[in-house]
């Protein structure tokens, strides 16, 4: 796209000379914006074979491929002259490990992730993170609708919790592995996730029941206490109630995420009519 802004290239006196010196750079910058060329003019795309050490004179936009092996990226020493760097890991296998000049790790970018780093003159800071580059957000979901199979309770109390094992459908997913057959979601990318669980339960008849639900990882090994709820069901059949819980959780690669339930009062079974477990990555660990 040709520039629509004239340049002061014909200088005939000191006034126009001064105008050219001051105004031409402004016109050039505006032209960059109008033609969307900053990305082309100020970016570097590179496949790495070793640690990459950056200087303040290097391009701010860095598309870097660690080429199958985790690679270190060392930033310039902190100074007032630092500019921002925008990193994109273009590999599908290995990590980019961004470090300061000490060198201490600031952030690790798995394949497909991106981040902006800023310097305040004394410290490099992570300003923004793109979690999977151009491949979309990290999400996963499993659910069941109109279930009639009870979740059997053999002993009362949370210590005798049982896994909710009635999921029958994998929902939407990207960079995660929902597995309704095993009633869990498998995490393939570490980070901070927003967990959301919604559903409905039916009364089993008889006495009232105080039912508990919580999200765990790794086959019930670790509870997320912030993703937890109780529901008091009235006695007698026909009572249907909603349940919901959610929170932010720190997940590692290969964690499996499940829902577990228990009856605080007795051994009345729990019929979970509908339930959806969904995870959305919102940050880095």
C-alpha atoms as a PDB file:
ATOM      1  CA  UNK A   1       0.000   0.000   0.000  1.00  0.00           C
ATOM      2  CA  UNK A   2       1.531   3.305  -1.082  1.00  0.00           C
ATOM      3  CA  UNK A   3       1.800   6.085   1.439  1.00  0.00           C
ATOM      4  CA  UNK A   4      -0.875   8.776   1.260  1.00  0.00           C
ATOM      5  CA  UNK A   5       1.336  11.122   3.217  1.00  0.00           C
ATOM      6  CA  UNK A   6       3.701  13.380   1.223  1.00  0.00           C
ATOM      7  CA  UNK A   7       7.324  13.563   2.272  1.00  0.00           C
ATOM      8  CA  UNK A   8       9.300  16.784   2.514  1.00  0.00           C
ATOM      9  CA  UNK A   9      12.015  15.591   0.176  1.00  0.00           C
ATOM     10  CA  UNK A  10      12.582  18.853  -1.704  1.00  0.00           C
ATOM     11  CA  UNK A  11      14.354  21.130   0.701  1.00  0.00           C
ATOM     12  CA  UNK A  12      15.036  24.665  -0.499  1.00  0.00           C
ATOM     13  CA  UNK A  13      15.682  26.557   2.678  1.00  0.00           C
ATOM     14  CA  UNK A  14      16.431  26.046   6.342  1.00  0.00           C
ATOM     15  CA  UNK A  15      12.755  26.067   7.289  1.00  0.00           C
ATOM     16  CA  UNK A  16      11.819  23.229   4.956  1.00  0.00           C
ATOM     17  CA  UNK A  17      15.003  21.401   5.964  1.00  0.00           C
ATOM     18  CA  UNK A  18      13.872  21.502   9.587  1.00  0.00           C
ATOM     19  CA  UNK A  19      10.379  20.420   8.612  1.00  0.00           C
ATOM     20  CA  UNK A  20      11.730  17.428   6.747  1.00  0.00           C
ATOM     21  CA  UNK A  21      13.866  16.329   9.677  1.00  0.00           C
ATOM     22  CA  UNK A  22      10.967  16.567  12.128  1.00  0.00           C
ATOM     23  CA  UNK A  23       7.992  15.497  10.058  1.00  0.00           C
ATOM     24  CA  UNK A  24       9.262  12.736   7.764  1.00  0.00           C
ATOM     25  CA  UNK A  25       9.794  10.269  10.672  1.00  0.00           C
ATOM     26  CA  UNK A  26       6.287  10.993  11.856  1.00  0.00           C
ATOM     27  CA  UNK A  27       4.872  10.332   8.405  1.00  0.00           C
ATOM     28  CA  UNK A  28       6.872   7.112   8.170  1.00  0.00           C
ATOM     29  CA  UNK A  29       5.509   5.925  11.519  1.00  0.00           C
ATOM     30  CA  UNK A  30       1.951   6.739  10.463  1.00  0.00           C
ATOM     31  CA  UNK A  31       2.497   4.881   7.202  1.00  0.00           C
ATOM     32  CA  UNK A  32       3.671   1.839   9.163  1.00  0.00           C
ATOM     33  CA  UNK A  33       0.459   1.881  11.164  1.00  0.00           C
ATOM     34  CA  UNK A  34      -1.781   2.426   8.148  1.00  0.00           C
ATOM     35  CA  UNK A  35      -0.161  -0.361   6.155  1.00  0.00           C
ATOM     36  CA  UNK A  36       0.118  -2.731   9.152  1.00  0.00           C
ATOM     37  CA  UNK A  37       3.829  -3.143   8.498  1.00  0.00           C
ATOM     38  CA  UNK A  38       5.237  -2.907  12.058  1.00  0.00           C
ATOM     39  CA  UNK A  39       4.965  -6.672  12.351  1.00  0.00           C
ATOM     40  CA  UNK A  40       7.060  -7.162   9.236  1.00  0.00           C
ATOM     41  CA  UNK A  41       9.504  -4.387   9.945  1.00  0.00           C
ATOM     42  CA  UNK A  42      10.213  -5.203  13.576  1.00  0.00           C
ATOM     43  CA  UNK A  43      10.035  -8.986  13.825  1.00  0.00           C
ATOM     44  CA  UNK A  44      12.509 -11.840  13.695  1.00  0.00           C
ATOM     45  CA  UNK A  45      11.678 -15.455  12.853  1.00  0.00           C
ATOM     46  CA  UNK A  46      14.388 -17.953  13.752  1.00  0.00           C
ATOM     47  CA  UNK A  47      15.012 -21.650  14.369  1.00  0.00           C
ATOM     48  CA  UNK A  48      17.406 -21.978  17.285  1.00  0.00           C
ATOM     49  CA  UNK A  49      20.370 -24.290  17.695  1.00  0.00           C
ATOM     50  CA  UNK A  50      21.593 -22.876  21.016  1.00  0.00           C
ATOM     51  CA  UNK A  51      20.801 -20.284  23.682  1.00  0.00           C
ATOM     52  CA  UNK A  52      19.735 -16.969  22.158  1.00  0.00           C
ATOM     53  CA  UNK A  53      21.057 -13.840  23.863  1.00  0.00           C
ATOM     54  CA  UNK A  54      19.123 -10.701  23.014  1.00  0.00           C
ATOM     55  CA  UNK A  55      20.306  -7.099  22.835  1.00  0.00           C
ATOM     56  CA  UNK A  56      18.309  -3.882  23.042  1.00  0.00           C
ATOM     57  CA  UNK A  57      19.008  -3.478  19.336  1.00  0.00           C
ATOM     58  CA  UNK A  58      17.180  -6.729  18.500  1.00  0.00           C
ATOM     59  CA  UNK A  59      13.677  -6.717  17.065  1.00  0.00           C
ATOM     60  CA  UNK A  60      10.909  -6.565  19.697  1.00  0.00           C
ATOM     61  CA  UNK A  61       8.836  -9.320  18.051  1.00  0.00           C
ATOM     62  CA  UNK A  62      10.548 -12.717  18.180  1.00  0.00           C
ATOM     63  CA  UNK A  63       9.055 -15.805  16.510  1.00  0.00           C
ATOM     64  CA  UNK A  64      11.382 -18.481  17.870  1.00  0.00           C
ATOM     65  CA  UNK A  65      11.463 -22.228  17.236  1.00  0.00           C
ATOM     66  CA  UNK A  66      13.508 -24.181  19.829  1.00  0.00           C
ATOM     67  CA  UNK A  67      13.769 -26.962  17.250  1.00  0.00           C
ATOM     68  CA  UNK A  68      12.767 -29.957  19.357  1.00  0.00           C
ATOM     69  CA  UNK A  69      14.950 -29.117  22.394  1.00  0.00           C
ATOM     70  CA  UNK A  70      14.189 -26.721  25.241  1.00  0.00           C
ATOM     71  CA  UNK A  71      16.142 -23.509  24.597  1.00  0.00           C
ATOM     72  CA  UNK A  72      17.050 -20.553  26.817  1.00  0.00           C
ATOM     73  CA  UNK A  73      16.379 -16.978  25.755  1.00  0.00           C
ATOM     74  CA  UNK A  74      18.452 -14.434  27.689  1.00  0.00           C
ATOM     75  CA  UNK A  75      17.140 -10.875  27.834  1.00  0.00           C
ATOM     76  CA  UNK A  76      19.344  -7.760  27.862  1.00  0.00           C
ATOM     77  CA  UNK A  77      20.496  -6.360  31.198  1.00  0.00           C
ATOM     78  CA  UNK A  78      17.786  -4.257  32.842  1.00  0.00           C
ATOM     79  CA  UNK A  79      18.131  -0.602  31.846  1.00  0.00           C
ATOM     80  CA  UNK A  80      16.118   2.452  30.915  1.00  0.00           C
ATOM     81  CA  UNK A  81      16.901   1.692  27.273  1.00  0.00           C
ATOM     82  CA  UNK A  82      15.044  -1.657  27.261  1.00  0.00           C
ATOM     83  CA  UNK A  83      12.076  -2.043  24.939  1.00  0.00           C
ATOM     84  CA  UNK A  84       9.318  -4.628  25.179  1.00  0.00           C
ATOM     85  CA  UNK A  85       9.775  -8.095  23.697  1.00  0.00           C
ATOM     86  CA  UNK A  86       6.939 -10.224  22.318  1.00  0.00           C
ATOM     87  CA  UNK A  87       7.879 -13.915  22.153  1.00  0.00           C
ATOM     88  CA  UNK A  88       6.072 -16.671  20.256  1.00  0.00           C
ATOM     89  CA  UNK A  89       7.155 -20.304  20.584  1.00  0.00           C
ATOM     90  CA  UNK A  90       6.558 -21.685  17.100  1.00  0.00           C
ATOM     91  CA  UNK A  91       7.653 -25.234  17.914  1.00  0.00           C
ATOM     92  CA  UNK A  92       5.263 -28.141  18.532  1.00  0.00           C
ATOM     93  CA  UNK A  93       7.540 -30.051  20.919  1.00  0.00           C
ATOM     94  CA  UNK A  94       9.961 -28.010  23.023  1.00  0.00           C
ATOM     95  CA  UNK A  95       9.829 -25.038  25.412  1.00  0.00           C
ATOM     96  CA  UNK A  96      11.323 -21.565  25.286  1.00  0.00           C
ATOM     97  CA  UNK A  97      12.758 -20.609  28.688  1.00  0.00           C
ATOM     98  CA  UNK A  98      12.976 -16.819  28.932  1.00  0.00           C
ATOM     99  CA  UNK A  99      15.580 -15.604  31.431  1.00  0.00           C
ATOM    100  CA  UNK A 100      17.090 -12.352  32.582  1.00  0.00           C
ATOM    101  CA  UNK A 101      20.820 -11.734  32.233  1.00  0.00           C
ATOM    102  CA  UNK A 102      21.697 -13.278  35.635  1.00  0.00           C
ATOM    103  CA  UNK A 103      20.350 -15.715  34.203  1.00  0.00           C
ATOM    104  CA  UNK A 104      17.190 -16.447  36.238  1.00  0.00           C
ATOM    105  CA  UNK A 105      14.065 -17.923  34.662  1.00  0.00           C
ATOM    106  CA  UNK A 106      11.227 -15.434  34.222  1.00  0.00           C
ATOM    107  CA  UNK A 107       8.759 -17.540  32.252  1.00  0.00           C
ATOM    108  CA  UNK A 108       8.672 -20.844  30.371  1.00  0.00           C
ATOM    109  CA  UNK A 109       6.679 -20.883  27.159  1.00  0.00           C
ATOM    110  CA  UNK A 110       5.481 -24.325  26.035  1.00  0.00           C
ATOM    111  CA  UNK A 111       4.872 -24.976  22.329  1.00  0.00           C
ATOM    112  CA  UNK A 112       2.421 -22.545  20.777  1.00  0.00           C
ATOM    113  CA  UNK A 113       2.452 -20.088  23.669  1.00  0.00           C
ATOM    114  CA  UNK A 114       3.380 -16.439  23.595  1.00  0.00           C
ATOM    115  CA  UNK A 115       4.165 -13.675  26.068  1.00  0.00           C
ATOM    116  CA  UNK A 116       5.022  -9.988  26.253  1.00  0.00           C
ATOM    117  CA  UNK A 117       7.851  -8.942  28.578  1.00  0.00           C
ATOM    118  CA  UNK A 118       8.456  -5.389  29.755  1.00  0.00           C
ATOM    119  CA  UNK A 119      11.315  -3.840  31.688  1.00  0.00           C
ATOM    120  CA  UNK A 120      10.883  -1.059  34.242  1.00  0.00           C
ATOM    121  CA  UNK A 121      14.628  -0.474  34.153  1.00  0.00           C
ATOM    122  CA  UNK A 122      15.367  -2.762  37.081  1.00  0.00           C
ATOM    123  CA  UNK A 123      13.224  -5.879  36.497  1.00  0.00           C
ATOM    124  CA  UNK A 124      11.802  -7.785  33.554  1.00  0.00           C
ATOM    125  CA  UNK A 125       8.054  -8.378  34.000  1.00  0.00           C
ATOM    126  CA  UNK A 126       5.550 -10.563  32.187  1.00  0.00           C
ATOM    127  CA  UNK A 127       2.904  -8.194  30.858  1.00  0.00           C
ATOM    128  CA  UNK A 128       0.681 -10.537  28.895  1.00  0.00           C
ATOM    129  CA  UNK A 129       0.432 -14.190  27.945  1.00  0.00           C
ATOM    130  CA  UNK A 130      -1.152 -15.865  24.927  1.00  0.00           C
ATOM    131  CA  UNK A 131      -1.729 -19.427  26.008  1.00  0.00           C
ATOM    132  CA  UNK A 132      -1.662 -21.324  22.769  1.00  0.00           C
ATOM    133  CA  UNK A 133      -0.642 -18.860  20.137  1.00  0.00           C
ATOM    134  CA  UNK A 134      -2.811 -19.158  17.055  1.00  0.00           C
ATOM    135  CA  UNK A 135      -4.370 -22.507  17.968  1.00  0.00           C
ATOM    136  CA  UNK A 136      -6.991 -21.182  20.393  1.00  0.00           C
ATOM    137  CA  UNK A 137      -7.699 -21.364  24.097  1.00  0.00           C
ATOM    138  CA  UNK A 138      -7.012 -24.477  26.161  1.00  0.00           C
ATOM    139  CA  UNK A 139     -10.410 -25.963  27.035  1.00  0.00           C
ATOM    140  CA  UNK A 140     -11.919 -29.319  27.935  1.00  0.00           C
ATOM    141  CA  UNK A 141     -15.335 -30.618  28.930  1.00  0.00           C
ATOM    142  CA  UNK A 142     -17.226 -33.794  29.797  1.00  0.00           C
ATOM    143  CA  UNK A 143     -20.914 -34.096  30.650  1.00  0.00           C
ATOM    144  CA  UNK A 144     -24.015 -36.242  30.938  1.00  0.00           C
ATOM    145  CA  UNK A 145     -27.639 -35.320  30.334  1.00  0.00           C
ATOM    146  CA  UNK A 146     -30.762 -37.051  31.692  1.00  0.00           C
ATOM    147  CA  UNK A 147     -28.904 -39.747  33.576  1.00  0.00           C
ATOM    148  CA  UNK A 148     -30.968 -42.231  35.585  1.00  0.00           C
ATOM    149  CA  UNK A 149     -28.199 -44.450  36.998  1.00  0.00           C
ATOM    150  CA  UNK A 150     -27.626 -43.844  40.727  1.00  0.00           C
ATOM    151  CA  UNK A 151     -24.174 -43.288  42.173  1.00  0.00           C
ATOM    152  CA  UNK A 152     -23.993 -45.983  44.826  1.00  0.00           C
ATOM    153  CA  UNK A 153     -23.099 -45.011  48.412  1.00  0.00           C
ATOM    154  CA  UNK A 154     -21.959 -47.887  50.606  1.00  0.00           C
ATOM    155  CA  UNK A 155     -20.676 -45.961  53.665  1.00  0.00           C
ATOM    156  CA  UNK A 156     -21.639 -42.465  54.814  1.00  0.00           C
ATOM    157  CA  UNK A 157     -19.155 -39.600  55.125  1.00  0.00           C
ATOM    158  CA  UNK A 158     -16.639 -37.719  53.022  1.00  0.00           C
ATOM    159  CA  UNK A 159     -13.886 -40.206  53.854  1.00  0.00           C
ATOM    160  CA  UNK A 160     -15.904 -42.728  51.848  1.00  0.00           C
ATOM    161  CA  UNK A 161     -16.415 -40.529  48.801  1.00  0.00           C
ATOM    162  CA  UNK A 162     -17.139 -42.172  45.434  1.00  0.00           C
ATOM    163  CA  UNK A 163     -16.147 -41.063  41.989  1.00  0.00           C
ATOM    164  CA  UNK A 164     -18.937 -39.659  39.828  1.00  0.00           C
ATOM    165  CA  UNK A 165     -18.774 -42.200  37.028  1.00  0.00           C
ATOM    166  CA  UNK A 166     -21.827 -41.468  34.906  1.00  0.00           C
ATOM    167  CA  UNK A 167     -20.330 -39.121  32.279  1.00  0.00           C
ATOM    168  CA  UNK A 168     -21.164 -40.240  28.756  1.00  0.00           C
ATOM    169  CA  UNK A 169     -20.096 -37.412  26.403  1.00  0.00           C
ATOM    170  CA  UNK A 170     -16.910 -35.510  25.637  1.00  0.00           C
ATOM    171  CA  UNK A 171     -17.678 -31.838  25.104  1.00  0.00           C
ATOM    172  CA  UNK A 172     -15.662 -29.201  23.290  1.00  0.00           C
ATOM    173  CA  UNK A 173     -11.899 -29.405  23.742  1.00  0.00           C
ATOM    174  CA  UNK A 174      -8.665 -27.876  22.546  1.00  0.00           C
ATOM    175  CA  UNK A 175      -5.203 -28.857  23.820  1.00  0.00           C
ATOM    176  CA  UNK A 176      -6.836 -31.006  26.508  1.00  0.00           C
ATOM    177  CA  UNK A 177      -8.073 -34.595  26.529  1.00  0.00           C
ATOM    178  CA  UNK A 178     -11.613 -35.096  27.826  1.00  0.00           C
ATOM    179  CA  UNK A 179     -12.219 -38.786  28.578  1.00  0.00           C
ATOM    180  CA  UNK A 180     -15.818 -39.528  29.573  1.00  0.00           C
ATOM    181  CA  UNK A 181     -15.079 -43.267  29.468  1.00  0.00           C
ATOM    182  CA  UNK A 182     -12.806 -42.812  32.489  1.00  0.00           C
ATOM    183  CA  UNK A 183     -14.894 -39.923  33.854  1.00  0.00           C
ATOM    184  CA  UNK A 184     -12.107 -37.381  33.876  1.00  0.00           C
ATOM    185  CA  UNK A 185     -10.339 -34.687  31.865  1.00  0.00           C
ATOM    186  CA  UNK A 186      -6.636 -35.213  31.228  1.00  0.00           C
ATOM    187  CA  UNK A 187      -4.462 -32.092  31.367  1.00  0.00           C
ATOM    188  CA  UNK A 188      -1.914 -31.771  28.570  1.00  0.00           C
ATOM    189  CA  UNK A 189      -0.689 -28.243  29.350  1.00  0.00           C
ATOM    190  CA  UNK A 190       0.242 -26.916  32.794  1.00  0.00           C
ATOM    191  CA  UNK A 191      -1.281 -23.684  34.063  1.00  0.00           C
ATOM    192  CA  UNK A 192      -3.977 -21.940  36.056  1.00  0.00           C
ATOM    193  CA  UNK A 193      -7.465 -23.050  35.047  1.00  0.00           C
ATOM    194  CA  UNK A 194     -11.001 -21.852  35.695  1.00  0.00           C
ATOM    195  CA  UNK A 195     -12.998 -24.922  36.728  1.00  0.00           C
ATOM    196  CA  UNK A 196     -16.779 -24.912  36.441  1.00  0.00           C
ATOM    197  CA  UNK A 197     -19.153 -27.675  37.532  1.00  0.00           C
ATOM    198  CA  UNK A 198     -22.927 -27.443  37.176  1.00  0.00           C
ATOM    199  CA  UNK A 199     -25.572 -30.119  37.496  1.00  0.00           C
ATOM    200  CA  UNK A 200     -28.740 -31.396  39.109  1.00  0.00           C
ATOM    201  CA  UNK A 201     -29.426 -34.223  41.564  1.00  0.00           C
ATOM    202  CA  UNK A 202     -32.569 -36.162  42.501  1.00  0.00           C
ATOM    203  CA  UNK A 203     -33.702 -37.262  45.922  1.00  0.00           C
ATOM    204  CA  UNK A 204     -33.401 -40.952  46.646  1.00  0.00           C
ATOM    205  CA  UNK A 205     -36.423 -41.140  48.923  1.00  0.00           C
ATOM    206  CA  UNK A 206     -36.552 -41.877  52.633  1.00  0.00           C
ATOM    207  CA  UNK A 207     -34.860 -39.427  54.980  1.00  0.00           C
ATOM    208  CA  UNK A 208     -33.367 -36.114  53.992  1.00  0.00           C
ATOM    209  CA  UNK A 209     -29.735 -36.281  52.869  1.00  0.00           C
ATOM    210  CA  UNK A 210     -26.827 -33.845  53.099  1.00  0.00           C
ATOM    211  CA  UNK A 211     -24.864 -34.508  49.925  1.00  0.00           C
ATOM    212  CA  UNK A 212     -21.299 -33.384  49.280  1.00  0.00           C
ATOM    213  CA  UNK A 213     -19.478 -32.809  45.979  1.00  0.00           C
ATOM    214  CA  UNK A 214     -15.902 -31.792  45.268  1.00  0.00           C
ATOM    215  CA  UNK A 215     -13.395 -31.702  42.436  1.00  0.00           C
ATOM    216  CA  UNK A 216     -10.276 -33.854  42.848  1.00  0.00           C
ATOM    217  CA  UNK A 217      -7.272 -34.731  40.733  1.00  0.00           C
ATOM    218  CA  UNK A 218      -5.441 -37.970  40.027  1.00  0.00           C
ATOM    219  CA  UNK A 219      -8.114 -40.482  40.951  1.00  0.00           C
ATOM    220  CA  UNK A 220      -9.208 -38.770  44.136  1.00  0.00           C
ATOM    221  CA  UNK A 221      -5.691 -38.153  45.388  1.00  0.00           C
ATOM    222  CA  UNK A 222      -5.918 -34.391  45.933  1.00  0.00           C
ATOM    223  CA  UNK A 223      -9.000 -32.291  46.589  1.00  0.00           C
ATOM    224  CA  UNK A 224      -9.479 -28.741  45.334  1.00  0.00           C
ATOM    225  CA  UNK A 225     -11.207 -27.300  48.406  1.00  0.00           C
ATOM    226  CA  UNK A 226     -12.281 -24.183  46.522  1.00  0.00           C
ATOM    227  CA  UNK A 227     -14.296 -26.332  44.072  1.00  0.00           C
ATOM    228  CA  UNK A 228     -16.676 -27.858  46.600  1.00  0.00           C
ATOM    229  CA  UNK A 229     -20.350 -27.725  47.543  1.00  0.00           C
ATOM    230  CA  UNK A 230     -23.100 -29.321  49.632  1.00  0.00           C
ATOM    231  CA  UNK A 231     -26.783 -29.829  48.911  1.00  0.00           C
ATOM    232  CA  UNK A 232     -29.472 -30.769  51.403  1.00  0.00           C
ATOM    233  CA  UNK A 233     -32.105 -32.964  49.779  1.00  0.00           C
ATOM    234  CA  UNK A 234     -35.562 -33.209  51.311  1.00  0.00           C
ATOM    235  CA  UNK A 235     -36.904 -36.626  52.261  1.00  0.00           C
ATOM    236  CA  UNK A 236     -39.127 -38.445  49.820  1.00  0.00           C
ATOM    237  CA  UNK A 237     -38.838 -39.065  46.113  1.00  0.00           C
ATOM    238  CA  UNK A 238     -39.271 -36.376  43.503  1.00  0.00           C
ATOM    239  CA  UNK A 239     -36.987 -33.718  44.965  1.00  0.00           C
ATOM    240  CA  UNK A 240     -34.657 -32.268  42.288  1.00  0.00           C
ATOM    241  CA  UNK A 241     -32.028 -29.657  43.106  1.00  0.00           C
ATOM    242  CA  UNK A 242     -29.251 -27.853  41.254  1.00  0.00           C
ATOM    243  CA  UNK A 243     -25.585 -27.905  42.220  1.00  0.00           C
ATOM    244  CA  UNK A 244     -22.798 -25.591  41.097  1.00  0.00           C
ATOM    245  CA  UNK A 245     -19.188 -25.016  42.062  1.00  0.00           C
ATOM    246  CA  UNK A 246     -16.153 -23.395  40.549  1.00  0.00           C
ATOM    247  CA  UNK A 247     -12.774 -21.814  41.191  1.00  0.00           C
ATOM    248  CA  UNK A 248      -9.230 -21.302  39.925  1.00  0.00           C
ATOM    249  CA  UNK A 249      -6.897 -24.298  40.162  1.00  0.00           C
ATOM    250  CA  UNK A 250      -3.227 -24.930  39.402  1.00  0.00           C
ATOM    251  CA  UNK A 251      -2.873 -27.997  37.172  1.00  0.00           C
ATOM    252  CA  UNK A 252       0.144 -29.929  35.918  1.00  0.00           C
ATOM    253  CA  UNK A 253       0.652 -31.980  32.770  1.00  0.00           C
ATOM    254  CA  UNK A 254      -1.004 -35.422  33.056  1.00  0.00           C
ATOM    255  CA  UNK A 255      -3.247 -34.445  35.966  1.00  0.00           C
ATOM    256  CA  UNK A 256      -6.638 -36.106  35.700  1.00  0.00           C
ATOM    257  CA  UNK A 257      -9.591 -34.051  36.936  1.00  0.00           C
ATOM    258  CA  UNK A 258     -12.667 -35.771  38.401  1.00  0.00           C
ATOM    259  CA  UNK A 259     -15.787 -35.100  40.458  1.00  0.00           C
ATOM    260  CA  UNK A 260     -16.382 -37.066  43.658  1.00  0.00           C
ATOM    261  CA  UNK A 261     -19.514 -37.286  45.821  1.00  0.00           C
ATOM    262  CA  UNK A 262     -20.607 -38.548  49.225  1.00  0.00           C
ATOM    263  CA  UNK A 263     -23.602 -38.694  51.541  1.00  0.00           C
ATOM    264  CA  UNK A 264     -22.852 -37.096  54.909  1.00  0.00           C
ATOM    265  CA  UNK A 265     -25.806 -38.755  56.659  1.00  0.00           C
ATOM    266  CA  UNK A 266     -26.407 -42.302  55.488  1.00  0.00           C
ATOM    267  CA  UNK A 267     -26.088 -44.738  52.596  1.00  0.00           C
ATOM    268  CA  UNK A 268     -28.878 -43.389  50.393  1.00  0.00           C
ATOM    269  CA  UNK A 269     -27.642 -43.383  46.804  1.00  0.00           C
ATOM    270  CA  UNK A 270     -27.215 -40.169  44.795  1.00  0.00           C
ATOM    271  CA  UNK A 271     -28.829 -39.812  41.383  1.00  0.00           C
ATOM    272  CA  UNK A 272     -27.017 -37.136  39.403  1.00  0.00           C
ATOM    273  CA  UNK A 273     -29.418 -36.320  36.578  1.00  0.00           C
ATOM    274  CA  UNK A 274     -27.159 -33.887  34.713  1.00  0.00           C
ATOM    275  CA  UNK A 275     -23.612 -32.684  35.261  1.00  0.00           C
ATOM    276  CA  UNK A 276     -20.987 -30.786  33.254  1.00  0.00           C
ATOM    277  CA  UNK A 277     -17.317 -30.467  34.184  1.00  0.00           C
ATOM    278  CA  UNK A 278     -15.417 -27.864  32.179  1.00  0.00           C
ATOM    279  CA  UNK A 279     -11.899 -26.419  32.364  1.00  0.00           C
ATOM    280  CA  UNK A 280     -10.526 -23.243  30.772  1.00  0.00           C
ATOM    281  CA  UNK A 281      -6.891 -22.188  30.987  1.00  0.00           C
ATOM    282  CA  UNK A 282      -6.529 -18.585  32.121  1.00  0.00           C
ATOM    283  CA  UNK A 283      -2.862 -18.244  33.129  1.00  0.00           C
ATOM    284  CA  UNK A 284       0.529 -19.791  33.702  1.00  0.00           C
ATOM    285  CA  UNK A 285       1.497 -21.608  36.885  1.00  0.00           C
END
